[in-house]
Amino acid sequence: MPVSVVVTSGKGGTGKTAFTGAVGSCLAALGQKVLCVDMDVGLRNLDITLGMSDRAVMDFTDVLSGRCELELAAAAHPDIRGLCLLTAPTALTAGVSEADMARLVALAKERFDYILMDCPAGLGEGFRLAVAAADRGVVVSTTDPSALRDAQRTVMTLTPRMEILHLVMNRVQPKLIRKLRTNIDEAMNTAGLPLLGVVPEDPQVTLAAGKGRPLILTTHKGAAVAYLNIAKRLMGQQVPLMMS
């Protein structure tokens, strides 16, 4: 059954876009049909993470307005079969309602197994639109106390809207991962969510984005392994948490 997932957090800098691109790539590499949707109107950069800046031409408002069919607007990745990107507009020239986004996601579910929606930071319009069309949510946070506090606020907003929510602890310093084992319950309780994965801080994430290459095509260790494990968990597989 197709699943739509909103990827969000309470503040910027937690790595939502890197998460969306990396996990989307991993799901596709595992044989799933995946549509990554950039919901960050005006500040889109998911195309950079996926290495698709020259391919993402039409955006989701083109589909909603009828100017373009989803099949044409969803740009296929040149190297990862089954992975597509639907980018955000540079600006919203006309109102987009929650019903519009729900209609778009329903259409996407006819072609894709997973729709991952990369939200902008905060709880603004992009967040509202994505949440309206999502079956489940992933809240991405770092171990910074302010990030966890903002994640908790996001959870409080999401809880009445959807039943399945998960926490991802991102950009964790490798030397702190073993220490995090003893503090993980506290982090989960702070955010109020079950843990979907722990992703280590990894310079390869930035280097891959700079090269315009998905992380899974550049390395098979560090954060790449963590993202692959998260993709498997989203598919229902039992995979131990990467804690060392």
C-alpha atoms as a PDB file:
ATOM      1  CA  MET A   1       0.000   0.000   0.000  1.00  0.00           C
ATOM      2  CA  PRO A   2       1.495   3.403  -0.982  1.00  0.00           C
ATOM      3  CA  VAL A   3       2.606   5.610   1.903  1.00  0.00           C
ATOM      4  CA  SER A   4       3.094   9.384   2.120  1.00  0.00           C
ATOM      5  CA  VAL A   5       5.613  10.606   4.688  1.00  0.00           C
ATOM      6  CA  VAL A   6       6.168  14.167   5.849  1.00  0.00           C
ATOM      7  CA  VAL A   7       9.760  14.908   6.930  1.00  0.00           C
ATOM      8  CA  THR A   8       9.868  17.833   9.300  1.00  0.00           C
ATOM      9  CA  SER A   9      11.473  19.419  12.351  1.00  0.00           C
ATOM     10  CA  GLY A  10      10.943  22.427  14.535  1.00  0.00           C
ATOM     11  CA  LYS A  11      13.984  24.373  13.328  1.00  0.00           C
ATOM     12  CA  GLY A  12      16.388  24.610  10.436  1.00  0.00           C
ATOM     13  CA  GLY A  13      19.765  22.925  10.243  1.00  0.00           C
ATOM     14  CA  THR A  14      18.705  19.496  11.475  1.00  0.00           C
ATOM     15  CA  GLY A  15      19.250  17.815   8.099  1.00  0.00           C
ATOM     16  CA  LYS A  16      15.690  17.236   6.855  1.00  0.00           C
ATOM     17  CA  THR A  17      16.598  17.691   3.202  1.00  0.00           C
ATOM     18  CA  ALA A  18      19.648  15.438   3.418  1.00  0.00           C
ATOM     19  CA  PHE A  19      17.465  12.853   5.151  1.00  0.00           C
ATOM     20  CA  THR A  20      14.747  13.049   2.492  1.00  0.00           C
ATOM     21  CA  GLY A  21      17.197  12.697  -0.382  1.00  0.00           C
ATOM     22  CA  ALA A  22      19.234   9.938   1.227  1.00  0.00           C
ATOM     23  CA  VAL A  23      16.329   7.823   2.449  1.00  0.00           C
ATOM     24  CA  GLY A  24      14.447   8.328  -0.806  1.00  0.00           C
ATOM     25  CA  SER A  25      17.520   7.132  -2.705  1.00  0.00           C
ATOM     26  CA  CYS A  26      17.845   4.099  -0.447  1.00  0.00           C
ATOM     27  CA  LEU A  27      14.184   3.154  -0.810  1.00  0.00           C
ATOM     28  CA  ALA A  28      14.536   3.293  -4.588  1.00  0.00           C
ATOM     29  CA  ALA A  29      17.741   1.248  -4.445  1.00  0.00           C
ATOM     30  CA  LEU A  30      15.762  -1.344  -2.468  1.00  0.00           C
ATOM     31  CA  GLY A  31      13.308  -1.655  -5.349  1.00  0.00           C
ATOM     32  CA  GLN A  32      10.623   0.837  -4.321  1.00  0.00           C
ATOM     33  CA  LYS A  33       9.121   3.526  -6.548  1.00  0.00           C
ATOM     34  CA  VAL A  34       9.789   6.804  -4.749  1.00  0.00           C
ATOM     35  CA  LEU A  35       8.690  10.385  -5.285  1.00  0.00           C
ATOM     36  CA  CYS A  36      10.531  13.046  -3.300  1.00  0.00           C
ATOM     37  CA  VAL A  37       8.547  16.284  -3.086  1.00  0.00           C
ATOM     38  CA  ASP A  38      10.238  19.555  -2.131  1.00  0.00           C
ATOM     39  CA  MET A  39       7.765  21.617  -0.099  1.00  0.00           C
ATOM     40  CA  ASP A  40      10.149  24.489   0.649  1.00  0.00           C
ATOM     41  CA  VAL A  41       8.674  27.184  -1.604  1.00  0.00           C
ATOM     42  CA  GLY A  42      11.266  29.796  -2.531  1.00  0.00           C
ATOM     43  CA  LEU A  43      14.131  28.032  -0.762  1.00  0.00           C
ATOM     44  CA  ARG A  44      14.091  24.653  -2.454  1.00  0.00           C
ATOM     45  CA  ASN A  45      17.310  22.641  -2.465  1.00  0.00           C
ATOM     46  CA  LEU A  46      16.278  19.002  -2.536  1.00  0.00           C
ATOM     47  CA  ASP A  47      17.299  19.002  -6.207  1.00  0.00           C
ATOM     48  CA  ILE A  48      20.876  19.814  -5.143  1.00  0.00           C
ATOM     49  CA  THR A  49      20.947  16.960  -2.640  1.00  0.00           C
ATOM     50  CA  LEU A  50      19.745  14.544  -5.317  1.00  0.00           C
ATOM     51  CA  GLY A  51      21.993  15.973  -8.031  1.00  0.00           C
ATOM     52  CA  MET A  52      19.004  16.925 -10.178  1.00  0.00           C
ATOM     53  CA  SER A  53      19.237  20.712 -10.476  1.00  0.00           C
ATOM     54  CA  ASP A  54      19.228  20.550 -14.262  1.00  0.00           C
ATOM     55  CA  ARG A  55      16.302  18.120 -14.428  1.00  0.00           C
ATOM     56  CA  ALA A  56      13.678  19.540 -12.047  1.00  0.00           C
ATOM     57  CA  VAL A  57      11.932  21.968 -14.393  1.00  0.00           C
ATOM     58  CA  MET A  58       8.225  21.757 -13.564  1.00  0.00           C
ATOM     59  CA  ASP A  59       7.011  22.080  -9.972  1.00  0.00           C
ATOM     60  CA  PHE A  60       4.023  20.841  -7.980  1.00  0.00           C
ATOM     61  CA  THR A  61       1.944  23.937  -8.766  1.00  0.00           C
ATOM     62  CA  ASP A  62       2.280  23.115 -12.471  1.00  0.00           C
ATOM     63  CA  VAL A  63       0.591  19.791 -11.763  1.00  0.00           C
ATOM     64  CA  LEU A  64      -2.094  21.277  -9.522  1.00  0.00           C
ATOM     65  CA  SER A  65      -2.967  23.950 -12.102  1.00  0.00           C
ATOM     66  CA  GLY A  66      -3.186  21.412 -14.906  1.00  0.00           C
ATOM     67  CA  ARG A  67      -0.272  22.921 -16.849  1.00  0.00           C
ATOM     68  CA  CYS A  68       1.591  19.634 -16.689  1.00  0.00           C
ATOM     69  CA  GLU A  69       0.823  16.000 -15.939  1.00  0.00           C
ATOM     70  CA  LEU A  70       2.501  14.448 -12.906  1.00  0.00           C
ATOM     71  CA  GLU A  71       4.240  11.934 -15.166  1.00  0.00           C
ATOM     72  CA  LEU A  72       6.090  14.790 -16.873  1.00  0.00           C
ATOM     73  CA  ALA A  73       6.638  17.017 -13.838  1.00  0.00           C
ATOM     74  CA  ALA A  74       8.141  14.211 -11.732  1.00  0.00           C
ATOM     75  CA  ALA A  75      11.724  14.182 -13.001  1.00  0.00           C
ATOM     76  CA  ALA A  76      13.379  10.758 -13.042  1.00  0.00           C
ATOM     77  CA  HIS A  77      16.808  10.415 -11.451  1.00  0.00           C
ATOM     78  CA  PRO A  78      19.470   9.679 -14.076  1.00  0.00           C
ATOM     79  CA  ASP A  79      21.236   6.985 -12.041  1.00  0.00           C
ATOM     80  CA  ILE A  80      18.789   5.558  -9.500  1.00  0.00           C
ATOM     81  CA  ARG A  81      15.943   3.672 -11.061  1.00  0.00           C
ATOM     82  CA  GLY A  82      12.559   4.283  -9.463  1.00  0.00           C
ATOM     83  CA  LEU A  83      13.520   7.623  -7.883  1.00  0.00           C
ATOM     84  CA  CYS A  84      11.746  10.820  -8.992  1.00  0.00           C
ATOM     85  CA  LEU A  85      11.698  14.427  -7.813  1.00  0.00           C
ATOM     86  CA  LEU A  86       8.829  16.919  -7.832  1.00  0.00           C
ATOM     87  CA  THR A  87      10.273  20.279  -6.924  1.00  0.00           C
ATOM     88  CA  ALA A  88       8.743  23.344  -5.262  1.00  0.00           C
ATOM     89  CA  PRO A  89       8.004  26.627  -7.056  1.00  0.00           C
ATOM     90  CA  THR A  90      10.162  29.678  -6.491  1.00  0.00           C
ATOM     91  CA  ALA A  91       7.000  31.402  -5.229  1.00  0.00           C
ATOM     92  CA  LEU A  92       3.307  30.666  -4.808  1.00  0.00           C
ATOM     93  CA  THR A  93       1.516  32.859  -7.333  1.00  0.00           C
ATOM     94  CA  ALA A  94      -1.856  31.385  -6.407  1.00  0.00           C
ATOM     95  CA  GLY A  95      -3.261  29.815  -3.296  1.00  0.00           C
ATOM     96  CA  VAL A  96      -2.680  26.096  -2.761  1.00  0.00           C
ATOM     97  CA  SER A  97      -5.080  24.455  -0.349  1.00  0.00           C
ATOM     98  CA  GLU A  98      -4.712  21.391   1.829  1.00  0.00           C
ATOM     99  CA  ALA A  99      -7.283  19.690  -0.391  1.00  0.00           C
ATOM    100  CA  ASP A 100      -5.094  20.456  -3.415  1.00  0.00           C
ATOM    101  CA  MET A 101      -2.092  18.753  -1.837  1.00  0.00           C
ATOM    102  CA  ALA A 102      -4.177  15.789  -0.729  1.00  0.00           C
ATOM    103  CA  ARG A 103      -5.360  15.437  -4.329  1.00  0.00           C
ATOM    104  CA  LEU A 104      -1.787  15.607  -5.623  1.00  0.00           C
ATOM    105  CA  VAL A 105      -0.555  12.952  -3.192  1.00  0.00           C
ATOM    106  CA  ALA A 106      -3.500  10.700  -4.009  1.00  0.00           C
ATOM    107  CA  LEU A 107      -2.512  10.986  -7.670  1.00  0.00           C
ATOM    108  CA  ALA A 108       1.113  10.208  -6.816  1.00  0.00           C
ATOM    109  CA  LYS A 109       0.054   7.085  -4.925  1.00  0.00           C
ATOM    110  CA  GLU A 110      -1.206   5.638  -8.194  1.00  0.00           C
ATOM    111  CA  ARG A 111       2.399   5.527  -9.453  1.00  0.00           C
ATOM    112  CA  PHE A 112       4.664   5.452  -6.410  1.00  0.00           C
ATOM    113  CA  ASP A 113       5.149   3.280  -3.326  1.00  0.00           C
ATOM    114  CA  TYR A 114       6.543   6.094  -1.166  1.00  0.00           C
ATOM    115  CA  ILE A 115       6.012   9.852  -1.327  1.00  0.00           C
ATOM    116  CA  LEU A 116       8.523  11.708   0.863  1.00  0.00           C
ATOM    117  CA  MET A 117       7.683  15.377   1.456  1.00  0.00           C
ATOM    118  CA  ASP A 118      10.550  17.601   2.566  1.00  0.00           C
ATOM    119  CA  CYS A 119       9.116  20.420   4.689  1.00  0.00           C
ATOM    120  CA  PRO A 120      10.617  23.841   5.282  1.00  0.00           C
ATOM    121  CA  ALA A 121      11.727  24.689   8.790  1.00  0.00           C
ATOM    122  CA  GLY A 122       9.041  25.778  11.224  1.00  0.00           C
ATOM    123  CA  LEU A 123       5.299  25.303  11.209  1.00  0.00           C
ATOM    124  CA  GLY A 124       4.310  27.555   8.318  1.00  0.00           C
ATOM    125  CA  GLU A 125       2.386  27.020   5.102  1.00  0.00           C
ATOM    126  CA  GLY A 126       4.694  24.390   3.607  1.00  0.00           C
ATOM    127  CA  PHE A 127       4.394  22.368   6.793  1.00  0.00           C
ATOM    128  CA  ARG A 128       0.616  22.726   6.829  1.00  0.00           C
ATOM    129  CA  LEU A 129       0.227  21.606   3.218  1.00  0.00           C
ATOM    130  CA  ALA A 130       2.526  18.604   3.583  1.00  0.00           C
ATOM    131  CA  VAL A 131       0.949  17.432   6.819  1.00  0.00           C
ATOM    132  CA  ALA A 132      -2.505  17.527   5.262  1.00  0.00           C
ATOM    133  CA  ALA A 133      -1.426  14.951   2.689  1.00  0.00           C
ATOM    134  CA  ALA A 134       0.737  12.701   4.903  1.00  0.00           C
ATOM    135  CA  ASP A 135      -0.028   9.262   6.315  1.00  0.00           C
ATOM    136  CA  ARG A 136       2.870   9.351   8.755  1.00  0.00           C
ATOM    137  CA  GLY A 137       5.544  11.731   9.944  1.00  0.00           C
ATOM    138  CA  VAL A 138       9.277  11.699  10.626  1.00  0.00           C
ATOM    139  CA  VAL A 139      10.632  14.408  12.922  1.00  0.00           C
ATOM    140  CA  VAL A 140      14.341  15.004  12.385  1.00  0.00           C
ATOM    141  CA  SER A 141      16.308  16.475  15.275  1.00  0.00           C
ATOM    142  CA  THR A 142      19.866  16.846  16.462  1.00  0.00           C
ATOM    143  CA  THR A 143      20.899  16.203  20.063  1.00  0.00           C
ATOM    144  CA  ASP A 144      20.996  19.937  20.748  1.00  0.00           C
ATOM    145  CA  PRO A 145      18.497  20.770  23.545  1.00  0.00           C
ATOM    146  CA  SER A 146      16.918  23.604  21.539  1.00  0.00           C
ATOM    147  CA  ALA A 147      16.419  21.290  18.555  1.00  0.00           C
ATOM    148  CA  LEU A 148      14.758  18.702  20.783  1.00  0.00           C
ATOM    149  CA  ARG A 149      12.502  21.359  22.298  1.00  0.00           C
ATOM    150  CA  ASP A 150      11.432  22.521  18.840  1.00  0.00           C
ATOM    151  CA  ALA A 151      10.925  18.891  17.800  1.00  0.00           C
ATOM    152  CA  GLN A 152       8.611  18.447  20.771  1.00  0.00           C
ATOM    153  CA  ARG A 153       6.548  21.457  19.635  1.00  0.00           C
ATOM    154  CA  THR A 154       6.302  19.915  16.180  1.00  0.00           C
ATOM    155  CA  VAL A 155       5.159  16.622  17.663  1.00  0.00           C
ATOM    156  CA  MET A 156       2.417  18.384  19.618  1.00  0.00           C
ATOM    157  CA  THR A 157       1.181  19.881  16.344  1.00  0.00           C
ATOM    158  CA  LEU A 158       1.348  16.590  14.460  1.00  0.00           C
ATOM    159  CA  THR A 159      -0.125  14.270  17.067  1.00  0.00           C
ATOM    160  CA  PRO A 160      -3.809  15.177  16.479  1.00  0.00           C
ATOM    161  CA  ARG A 161      -3.336  14.778  12.705  1.00  0.00           C
ATOM    162  CA  MET A 162      -1.626  11.393  12.319  1.00  0.00           C
ATOM    163  CA  GLU A 163      -1.121   8.191  14.271  1.00  0.00           C
ATOM    164  CA  ILE A 164       2.338   7.113  13.109  1.00  0.00           C
ATOM    165  CA  LEU A 165       5.206   9.416  14.085  1.00  0.00           C
ATOM    166  CA  HIS A 166       8.908   8.687  14.452  1.00  0.00           C
ATOM    167  CA  LEU A 167      12.009  10.493  15.651  1.00  0.00           C
ATOM    168  CA  VAL A 168      15.370  10.498  13.858  1.00  0.00           C
ATOM    169  CA  MET A 169      18.421  11.696  15.750  1.00  0.00           C
ATOM    170  CA  ASN A 170      20.600  13.243  13.052  1.00  0.00           C
ATOM    171  CA  ARG A 171      24.145  14.562  12.821  1.00  0.00           C
ATOM    172  CA  VAL A 172      25.261  12.822  15.993  1.00  0.00           C
ATOM    173  CA  GLN A 173      29.001  13.051  16.559  1.00  0.00           C
ATOM    174  CA  PRO A 174      30.444   9.518  16.154  1.00  0.00           C
ATOM    175  CA  LYS A 175      32.339   9.749  19.437  1.00  0.00           C
ATOM    176  CA  LEU A 176      29.031  10.473  21.189  1.00  0.00           C
ATOM    177  CA  ILE A 177      27.009   7.646  19.660  1.00  0.00           C
ATOM    178  CA  ARG A 178      27.983   5.110  22.311  1.00  0.00           C
ATOM    179  CA  LYS A 179      27.282   7.676  25.014  1.00  0.00           C
ATOM    180  CA  LEU A 180      23.917   8.339  23.374  1.00  0.00           C
ATOM    181  CA  ARG A 181      23.024   4.704  24.068  1.00  0.00           C
ATOM    182  CA  THR A 182      22.635   5.579  27.738  1.00  0.00           C
ATOM    183  CA  ASN A 183      20.754   8.823  27.018  1.00  0.00           C
ATOM    184  CA  ILE A 184      18.527   7.654  24.205  1.00  0.00           C
ATOM    185  CA  ASP A 185      15.473   7.111  26.370  1.00  0.00           C
ATOM    186  CA  GLU A 186      15.716  10.701  27.585  1.00  0.00           C
ATOM    187  CA  ALA A 187      15.932  11.982  24.011  1.00  0.00           C
ATOM    188  CA  MET A 188      12.934   9.918  22.971  1.00  0.00           C
ATOM    189  CA  ASN A 189      10.919  11.046  25.962  1.00  0.00           C
ATOM    190  CA  THR A 190      11.803  14.683  25.270  1.00  0.00           C
ATOM    191  CA  ALA A 191      10.433  14.459  21.746  1.00  0.00           C
ATOM    192  CA  GLY A 192       7.696  12.015  22.718  1.00  0.00           C
ATOM    193  CA  LEU A 193       8.347   9.657  19.809  1.00  0.00           C
ATOM    194  CA  PRO A 194       9.699   6.183  19.084  1.00  0.00           C
ATOM    195  CA  LEU A 195      13.142   6.225  17.497  1.00  0.00           C
ATOM    196  CA  LEU A 196      13.447   5.403  13.789  1.00  0.00           C
ATOM    197  CA  GLY A 197      17.196   5.810  13.549  1.00  0.00           C
ATOM    198  CA  VAL A 198      20.438   7.472  14.637  1.00  0.00           C
ATOM    199  CA  VAL A 199      22.514   9.097  11.892  1.00  0.00           C
ATOM    200  CA  PRO A 200      26.149  10.027  12.617  1.00  0.00           C
ATOM    201  CA  GLU A 201      27.682  13.328  11.615  1.00  0.00           C
ATOM    202  CA  ASP A 202      29.440  12.546   8.358  1.00  0.00           C
ATOM    203  CA  PRO A 203      31.357  14.969   6.089  1.00  0.00           C
ATOM    204  CA  GLN A 204      30.483  12.730   3.143  1.00  0.00           C
ATOM    205  CA  VAL A 205      26.910  14.089   3.291  1.00  0.00           C
ATOM    206  CA  THR A 206      28.115  17.606   2.462  1.00  0.00           C
ATOM    207  CA  LEU A 207      30.716  16.393  -0.012  1.00  0.00           C
ATOM    208  CA  ALA A 208      28.153  14.303  -1.884  1.00  0.00           C
ATOM    209  CA  ALA A 209      25.760  17.264  -2.121  1.00  0.00           C
ATOM    210  CA  GLY A 210      28.597  19.433  -3.398  1.00  0.00           C
ATOM    211  CA  LYS A 211      29.293  16.909  -6.134  1.00  0.00           C
ATOM    212  CA  GLY A 212      25.596  16.657  -6.992  1.00  0.00           C
ATOM    213  CA  ARG A 213      25.553  12.948  -6.171  1.00  0.00           C
ATOM    214  CA  PRO A 214      23.187  11.073  -3.824  1.00  0.00           C
ATOM    215  CA  LEU A 215      25.028   9.812  -0.753  1.00  0.00           C
ATOM    216  CA  ILE A 216      24.320   6.158  -1.520  1.00  0.00           C
ATOM    217  CA  LEU A 217      26.278   6.503  -4.791  1.00  0.00           C
ATOM    218  CA  THR A 218      29.363   7.964  -3.099  1.00  0.00           C
ATOM    219  CA  THR A 219      29.942   5.862   0.021  1.00  0.00           C
ATOM    220  CA  HIS A 220      28.790   2.721   1.789  1.00  0.00           C
ATOM    221  CA  LYS A 221      29.660   3.576   5.366  1.00  0.00           C
ATOM    222  CA  GLY A 222      28.831   6.113   8.048  1.00  0.00           C
ATOM    223  CA  ALA A 223      25.627   8.064   7.463  1.00  0.00           C
ATOM    224  CA  ALA A 224      24.919   6.111   4.267  1.00  0.00           C
ATOM    225  CA  VAL A 225      24.517   2.907   6.284  1.00  0.00           C
ATOM    226  CA  ALA A 226      22.268   4.646   8.806  1.00  0.00           C
ATOM    227  CA  TYR A 227      20.015   6.011   6.065  1.00  0.00           C
ATOM    228  CA  LEU A 228      19.811   2.599   4.405  1.00  0.00           C
ATOM    229  CA  ASN A 229      18.765   1.038   7.710  1.00  0.00           C
ATOM    230  CA  ILE A 230      16.097   3.709   8.181  1.00  0.00           C
ATOM    231  CA  ALA A 231      14.745   2.984   4.701  1.00  0.00           C
ATOM    232  CA  LYS A 232      14.507  -0.693   5.588  1.00  0.00           C
ATOM    233  CA  ARG A 233      12.636   0.128   8.796  1.00  0.00           C
ATOM    234  CA  LEU A 234      10.168   2.271   6.854  1.00  0.00           C
ATOM    235  CA  MET A 235       9.552  -0.809   4.721  1.00  0.00           C
ATOM    236  CA  GLY A 236       8.761  -2.799   7.858  1.00  0.00           C
ATOM    237  CA  GLN A 237      12.024  -4.684   8.184  1.00  0.00           C
ATOM    238  CA  GLN A 238      13.541  -5.341  11.593  1.00  0.00           C
ATOM    239  CA  VAL A 239      16.981  -3.705  11.605  1.00  0.00           C
ATOM    240  CA  PRO A 240      19.048  -3.017  14.753  1.00  0.00           C
ATOM    241  CA  LEU A 241      19.720   0.625  15.502  1.00  0.00           C
ATOM    242  CA  MET A 242      23.102   1.858  14.326  1.00  0.00           C
ATOM    243  CA  MET A 243      24.665   2.856  17.625  1.00  0.00           C
ATOM    244  CA  SER A 244      28.376   2.429  16.995  1.00  0.00           C
END
